[in-house]
Amino acid sequence: QGRTAFRQSLEARVREAGLEGRVALVGHCDDMPAAFLAADVALLPTLVPESFGRAAVEPQVMGRPVIASDHGGTTETVLPGQTGWLAPPGEAQAWARAMAEAQDLGGEGLRRLGQAARDRAVKLYSNDAMCAATLSVYEQVLDARKGGT
């Protein structure tokens, strides 16, 4: 996307930290479900809050815990300690702590957190859940109208 200098600076930081082979900068991806399945944890270090936080829900639906910025819609879609972590936007030390906690959980711990994230996301954000909630509101409106006529 024309961000060559930015990518080069990231690659240099990965080398400086001795993380070659552990950090992959894959660039643009047209198949996000496959990308989420290839990851252990999804990181969403946004500086500008999203109103809903769909970007945090998508990896959870794929069974991946999330580390997300603690603002906007992610404060409702990510449950710290249950489906992932929230970290203050731009606070590198807090992000490092969250990533260390994720790493310390190990594979089985991350799978348990990911399953909890998936279960919650499907329950609350699937098309079926959305339709049921919408129909419930319609029923409430109709019941209120029946009582008011």
C-alpha atoms as a PDB file:
ATOM      1  CA  GLN A   1       0.000   0.000   0.000  1.00  0.00           C
ATOM      2  CA  GLY A   2       2.935   2.324  -0.592  1.00  0.00           C
ATOM      3  CA  ARG A   3       4.285   2.012   2.931  1.00  0.00           C
ATOM      4  CA  THR A   4       7.710   0.665   2.024  1.00  0.00           C
ATOM      5  CA  ALA A   5       9.614   2.748   4.577  1.00  0.00           C
ATOM      6  CA  PHE A   6       7.217   1.708   7.343  1.00  0.00           C
ATOM      7  CA  ARG A   7       7.580  -1.962   6.459  1.00  0.00           C
ATOM      8  CA  GLN A   8      11.357  -1.650   6.356  1.00  0.00           C
ATOM      9  CA  SER A   9      11.346  -0.053   9.805  1.00  0.00           C
ATOM     10  CA  LEU A  10       9.201  -2.913  11.132  1.00  0.00           C
ATOM     11  CA  GLU A  11      11.525  -5.501   9.593  1.00  0.00           C
ATOM     12  CA  ALA A  12      14.502  -3.746  11.185  1.00  0.00           C
ATOM     13  CA  ARG A  13      12.801  -3.784  14.603  1.00  0.00           C
ATOM     14  CA  VAL A  14      12.058  -7.507  14.233  1.00  0.00           C
ATOM     15  CA  ARG A  15      15.737  -8.161  13.413  1.00  0.00           C
ATOM     16  CA  GLU A  16      16.934  -5.956  16.314  1.00  0.00           C
ATOM     17  CA  ALA A  17      14.721  -7.888  18.710  1.00  0.00           C
ATOM     18  CA  GLY A  18      15.998 -11.229  17.386  1.00  0.00           C
ATOM     19  CA  LEU A  19      12.502 -12.283  16.359  1.00  0.00           C
ATOM     20  CA  GLU A  20      13.170 -13.451  12.806  1.00  0.00           C
ATOM     21  CA  GLY A  21      11.277 -16.685  12.260  1.00  0.00           C
ATOM     22  CA  ARG A  22       8.837 -15.826  15.066  1.00  0.00           C
ATOM     23  CA  VAL A  23       7.270 -12.689  13.576  1.00  0.00           C
ATOM     24  CA  ALA A  24       5.858 -12.725  10.061  1.00  0.00           C
ATOM     25  CA  LEU A  25       4.905  -9.554   8.213  1.00  0.00           C
ATOM     26  CA  VAL A  26       2.658 -10.986   5.543  1.00  0.00           C
ATOM     27  CA  GLY A  27       1.293  -7.843   3.928  1.00  0.00           C
ATOM     28  CA  HIS A  28      -2.132  -7.686   2.328  1.00  0.00           C
ATOM     29  CA  CYS A  29      -4.332 -10.739   2.816  1.00  0.00           C
ATOM     30  CA  ASP A  30      -7.554 -11.492   0.928  1.00  0.00           C
ATOM     31  CA  ASP A  31      -8.400 -14.496   3.121  1.00  0.00           C
ATOM     32  CA  MET A  32      -8.727 -13.263   6.696  1.00  0.00           C
ATOM     33  CA  PRO A  33     -10.318 -16.468   8.036  1.00  0.00           C
ATOM     34  CA  ALA A  34      -7.208 -18.364   6.914  1.00  0.00           C
ATOM     35  CA  ALA A  35      -4.981 -15.689   8.445  1.00  0.00           C
ATOM     36  CA  PHE A  36      -6.782 -15.921  11.782  1.00  0.00           C
ATOM     37  CA  LEU A  37      -6.502 -19.712  11.744  1.00  0.00           C
ATOM     38  CA  ALA A  38      -2.753 -19.409  11.142  1.00  0.00           C
ATOM     39  CA  ALA A  39      -2.382 -17.144  14.204  1.00  0.00           C
ATOM     40  CA  ASP A  40      -2.464 -17.953  17.902  1.00  0.00           C
ATOM     41  CA  VAL A  41      -3.697 -14.479  18.903  1.00  0.00           C
ATOM     42  CA  ALA A  42      -5.061 -11.518  16.928  1.00  0.00           C
ATOM     43  CA  LEU A  43      -3.679  -8.076  17.780  1.00  0.00           C
ATOM     44  CA  LEU A  44      -5.716  -4.964  17.029  1.00  0.00           C
ATOM     45  CA  PRO A  45      -3.636  -1.957  18.125  1.00  0.00           C
ATOM     46  CA  THR A  46      -5.975   0.698  16.761  1.00  0.00           C
ATOM     47  CA  LEU A  47      -5.450   4.331  17.653  1.00  0.00           C
ATOM     48  CA  VAL A  48      -8.894   5.406  16.445  1.00  0.00           C
ATOM     49  CA  PRO A  49     -11.860   3.635  18.065  1.00  0.00           C
ATOM     50  CA  GLU A  50     -14.391   1.688  16.017  1.00  0.00           C
ATOM     51  CA  SER A  51     -18.024   2.125  16.956  1.00  0.00           C
ATOM     52  CA  PHE A  52     -18.761  -1.614  16.988  1.00  0.00           C
ATOM     53  CA  GLY A  53     -15.398  -3.325  16.848  1.00  0.00           C
ATOM     54  CA  ARG A  54     -16.077  -5.852  14.094  1.00  0.00           C
ATOM     55  CA  ALA A  55     -12.344  -6.291  13.581  1.00  0.00           C
ATOM     56  CA  ALA A  56     -12.155  -7.733  17.111  1.00  0.00           C
ATOM     57  CA  VAL A  57     -15.166 -10.018  16.640  1.00  0.00           C
ATOM     58  CA  GLU A  58     -13.959 -11.658  13.421  1.00  0.00           C
ATOM     59  CA  PRO A  59     -10.927 -13.444  14.925  1.00  0.00           C
ATOM     60  CA  GLN A  60     -13.018 -14.441  17.942  1.00  0.00           C
ATOM     61  CA  VAL A  61     -15.525 -16.161  15.635  1.00  0.00           C
ATOM     62  CA  MET A  62     -12.541 -18.093  14.270  1.00  0.00           C
ATOM     63  CA  GLY A  63     -11.640 -19.186  17.808  1.00  0.00           C
ATOM     64  CA  ARG A  64      -8.771 -16.799  18.365  1.00  0.00           C
ATOM     65  CA  PRO A  65      -8.344 -14.643  21.469  1.00  0.00           C
ATOM     66  CA  VAL A  66      -7.756 -10.962  20.836  1.00  0.00           C
ATOM     67  CA  ILE A  67      -5.523  -8.249  22.232  1.00  0.00           C
ATOM     68  CA  ALA A  68      -7.271  -5.011  21.311  1.00  0.00           C
ATOM     69  CA  SER A  69      -7.109  -1.318  22.076  1.00  0.00           C
ATOM     70  CA  ASP A  70      -9.186  -0.396  25.092  1.00  0.00           C
ATOM     71  CA  HIS A  71     -11.562   2.012  23.386  1.00  0.00           C
ATOM     72  CA  GLY A  72     -14.648   2.078  21.213  1.00  0.00           C
ATOM     73  CA  GLY A  73     -16.628  -1.044  20.496  1.00  0.00           C
ATOM     74  CA  THR A  74     -13.852  -3.421  21.510  1.00  0.00           C
ATOM     75  CA  THR A  75     -14.600  -2.619  25.150  1.00  0.00           C
ATOM     76  CA  GLU A  76     -17.865  -4.506  24.636  1.00  0.00           C
ATOM     77  CA  THR A  77     -16.686  -7.256  22.302  1.00  0.00           C
ATOM     78  CA  VAL A  78     -13.507  -8.324  24.140  1.00  0.00           C
ATOM     79  CA  LEU A  79     -13.759  -9.536  27.741  1.00  0.00           C
ATOM     80  CA  PRO A  80     -10.377  -9.228  29.472  1.00  0.00           C
ATOM     81  CA  GLY A  81      -9.242 -12.564  30.837  1.00  0.00           C
ATOM     82  CA  GLN A  82     -12.143 -14.378  29.193  1.00  0.00           C
ATOM     83  CA  THR A  83     -11.895 -13.781  25.445  1.00  0.00           C
ATOM     84  CA  GLY A  84      -8.686 -11.763  25.246  1.00  0.00           C
ATOM     85  CA  TRP A  85      -7.052  -8.624  26.577  1.00  0.00           C
ATOM     86  CA  LEU A  86      -7.587  -4.878  26.318  1.00  0.00           C
ATOM     87  CA  ALA A  87      -4.615  -2.523  26.328  1.00  0.00           C
ATOM     88  CA  PRO A  88      -4.559   1.274  26.308  1.00  0.00           C
ATOM     89  CA  PRO A  89      -4.020   2.635  22.793  1.00  0.00           C
ATOM     90  CA  GLY A  90      -0.406   3.553  22.134  1.00  0.00           C
ATOM     91  CA  GLU A  91       0.942   2.300  25.485  1.00  0.00           C
ATOM     92  CA  ALA A  92       3.693  -0.061  24.367  1.00  0.00           C
ATOM     93  CA  GLN A  93       4.438  -1.464  27.840  1.00  0.00           C
ATOM     94  CA  ALA A  94       0.796  -2.434  28.399  1.00  0.00           C
ATOM     95  CA  TRP A  95       0.741  -4.118  24.988  1.00  0.00           C
ATOM     96  CA  ALA A  96       3.964  -5.960  25.803  1.00  0.00           C
ATOM     97  CA  ARG A  97       2.447  -7.197  29.086  1.00  0.00           C
ATOM     98  CA  ALA A  98      -0.696  -8.435  27.301  1.00  0.00           C
ATOM     99  CA  MET A  99       1.397 -10.234  24.690  1.00  0.00           C
ATOM    100  CA  ALA A 100       3.540 -11.800  27.429  1.00  0.00           C
ATOM    101  CA  GLU A 101       0.395 -12.988  29.231  1.00  0.00           C
ATOM    102  CA  ALA A 102      -0.848 -14.539  25.995  1.00  0.00           C
ATOM    103  CA  GLN A 103       2.483 -16.251  25.434  1.00  0.00           C
ATOM    104  CA  ASP A 104       2.565 -17.506  29.032  1.00  0.00           C
ATOM    105  CA  LEU A 105      -0.815 -19.222  28.560  1.00  0.00           C
ATOM    106  CA  GLY A 106       0.729 -21.612  26.060  1.00  0.00           C
ATOM    107  CA  GLY A 107      -1.101 -23.463  23.327  1.00  0.00           C
ATOM    108  CA  GLU A 108      -3.766 -25.138  25.448  1.00  0.00           C
ATOM    109  CA  GLY A 109      -4.567 -21.987  27.409  1.00  0.00           C
ATOM    110  CA  LEU A 110      -4.904 -19.988  24.203  1.00  0.00           C
ATOM    111  CA  ARG A 111      -7.161 -22.667  22.733  1.00  0.00           C
ATOM    112  CA  ARG A 112      -9.443 -22.484  25.806  1.00  0.00           C
ATOM    113  CA  LEU A 113      -9.583 -18.679  25.614  1.00  0.00           C
ATOM    114  CA  GLY A 114     -10.184 -18.899  21.859  1.00  0.00           C
ATOM    115  CA  GLN A 115     -13.046 -21.336  22.327  1.00  0.00           C
ATOM    116  CA  ALA A 116     -14.640 -19.043  24.911  1.00  0.00           C
ATOM    117  CA  ALA A 117     -14.211 -16.142  22.476  1.00  0.00           C
ATOM    118  CA  ARG A 118     -15.846 -18.144  19.692  1.00  0.00           C
ATOM    119  CA  ASP A 119     -18.740 -19.317  21.849  1.00  0.00           C
ATOM    120  CA  ARG A 120     -19.483 -15.763  22.982  1.00  0.00           C
ATOM    121  CA  ALA A 121     -19.099 -14.199  19.537  1.00  0.00           C
ATOM    122  CA  VAL A 122     -21.401 -16.759  17.898  1.00  0.00           C
ATOM    123  CA  LYS A 123     -23.964 -16.356  20.685  1.00  0.00           C
ATOM    124  CA  LEU A 124     -24.015 -12.552  20.489  1.00  0.00           C
ATOM    125  CA  TYR A 125     -22.996 -11.573  16.961  1.00  0.00           C
ATOM    126  CA  SER A 126     -24.110 -14.278  14.529  1.00  0.00           C
ATOM    127  CA  ASN A 127     -26.823 -13.628  11.956  1.00  0.00           C
ATOM    128  CA  ASP A 128     -29.160 -15.879  13.940  1.00  0.00           C
ATOM    129  CA  ALA A 129     -28.513 -13.876  17.125  1.00  0.00           C
ATOM    130  CA  MET A 130     -29.049 -10.585  15.283  1.00  0.00           C
ATOM    131  CA  CYS A 131     -32.308 -11.786  13.737  1.00  0.00           C
ATOM    132  CA  ALA A 132     -33.593 -13.116  17.075  1.00  0.00           C
ATOM    133  CA  ALA A 133     -32.781  -9.819  18.804  1.00  0.00           C
ATOM    134  CA  THR A 134     -34.476  -7.816  16.038  1.00  0.00           C
ATOM    135  CA  LEU A 135     -37.595  -9.985  16.148  1.00  0.00           C
ATOM    136  CA  SER A 136     -37.692  -9.610  19.917  1.00  0.00           C
ATOM    137  CA  VAL A 137     -37.723  -5.824  19.577  1.00  0.00           C
ATOM    138  CA  TYR A 138     -40.518  -6.047  16.984  1.00  0.00           C
ATOM    139  CA  GLU A 139     -42.521  -8.236  19.371  1.00  0.00           C
ATOM    140  CA  GLN A 140     -42.037  -5.705  22.160  1.00  0.00           C
ATOM    141  CA  VAL A 141     -43.237  -2.879  19.909  1.00  0.00           C
ATOM    142  CA  LEU A 142     -46.273  -4.873  18.781  1.00  0.00           C
ATOM    143  CA  ASP A 143     -47.119  -5.879  22.365  1.00  0.00           C
ATOM    144  CA  ALA A 144     -46.863  -2.243  23.469  1.00  0.00           C
ATOM    145  CA  ARG A 145     -49.150  -1.142  20.630  1.00  0.00           C
ATOM    146  CA  LYS A 146     -51.722  -3.827  21.516  1.00  0.00           C
ATOM    147  CA  GLY A 147     -51.777  -2.635  25.108  1.00  0.00           C
ATOM    148  CA  GLY A 148     -52.101   1.010  24.044  1.00  0.00           C
ATOM    149  CA  THR A 149     -55.080   0.651  21.654  1.00  0.00           C
END
